[in-house]
Every structure is written in structure tokens, then in C-alpha cells.
């Protein structure tokens, strides 16, 4: 199995160097292939570095992380982008996710959890959100106006809605099975039916659709 190619974008050079050294020690399955210190530099360096995953800060000089996400996702939609920042401001969360970020984590995350999230986004299994970010995002969501309620929502059973909610919160199939007291294969079957009803092809798309109506699940 080839290593995951990782690129860091953060204006704190010491932070990038420290995290690079830590990753070398804790997981040889992740290879740091480049670094940039502002958003514009990241956009220019990305084709040369060809990463699978970008770890992106928000507040940087020259070009901030949200604008960099927009440009990178527009030109390289296959690249997964995880925001890793000190700030859980919901304005930044919404903009970053709207422009194509795969997840939004805070810098106090344990290194083992960060490694797990980097690996998970490469499989499309989980789109990570820090718990405080998820709570803020959920609390600021207002009910969708009539006419904007997705048609697929009424087609979901009570169990399917609960499973979709857990998917949006970041649980994998094994964790969902334990929480809803079902066999993991049964959960997989439910997840497949949820995809069909939503008209999506993978977990990332389901999470994005579920977030838009999280308050209705």
C-alpha cells in the first residue's frame, strides 16, 4: 500500500516542522510531500507536490485558508482538504465546507486522532468535524424554508434518519452498529439504502447533504 501524500499549509513554520517530525515517528504510512506558508503559495505549489490530502490553516497572510480551499477544490477536486485551525468560528466552518473542505478540526486534536482522520478521508469513510465545531454548526442552523426541504428526507425511515445523523456526526459503520444495536452488515445495508434515497454515491456526499438538514433528522 503506497503512503498517503500529505501537504501542510500554515503560516507557523515551527508548527509544520514539529508536526512533520511527529508524523515520521508515529506513522510511516503518511509522507509529507510539501509545505506552504500562505494560501496563495499553497495554490501555486499544489500541482508540484501532488498531495492526496492537504492540512490547511484558516488565518494566514496574503490569502486565507477559505479562499485557498475554493481555488484548490475548483482545480483539483480529487484532493482532500482538512482544515486544522485554532478557531471554531461557524462563519469559517460554513465557508470552508461550502468551498470544498472535507473536514474541520482544531489544533488541540491528539496526534493519533489526526492520523486516523487523515487516513479516513482518503477512503471517503468520514468527513471529520471537531465536536465543538459540529455543535456550533448545528445550533446556528435555522429550519429550511418551505420548498427547500429535500424530497428524499421524507423517504427515510426513523432508523435511517438516526443512522444518517450518526454519519454526519462522524461515526463509522462499526460505531453506528454499537450505538443502534444492529449488526455491522445490517448498518451497511441501511447506509446503502440511505445513499440511494438521497441520490448520492458516497459517504462524503451523504454527510454534506445531511448537514444541510441536520436539524430535521
Foldseek 3Di string as FASTA:
>chain_A
DAAFEEEEEAQDPVVVVVLQVVCVVPDPSHHHQYYHNALVRCLVCCVVSVGQEYAAEADGPPHGRLVSLLSCCVVPVRRAYEYEYQDLPQVSVVSNVVSRHQEYHYPVDDSVVVVVQVVCVSVLFARYYPPVNLVVLVVPQDADDPVPPDPLPVVDDPLLLVLLLVRLNTDGLVRSCVVVVHDSVVSVVSVVVSCVSNVHDGSSVSNVVCSNRVVVD
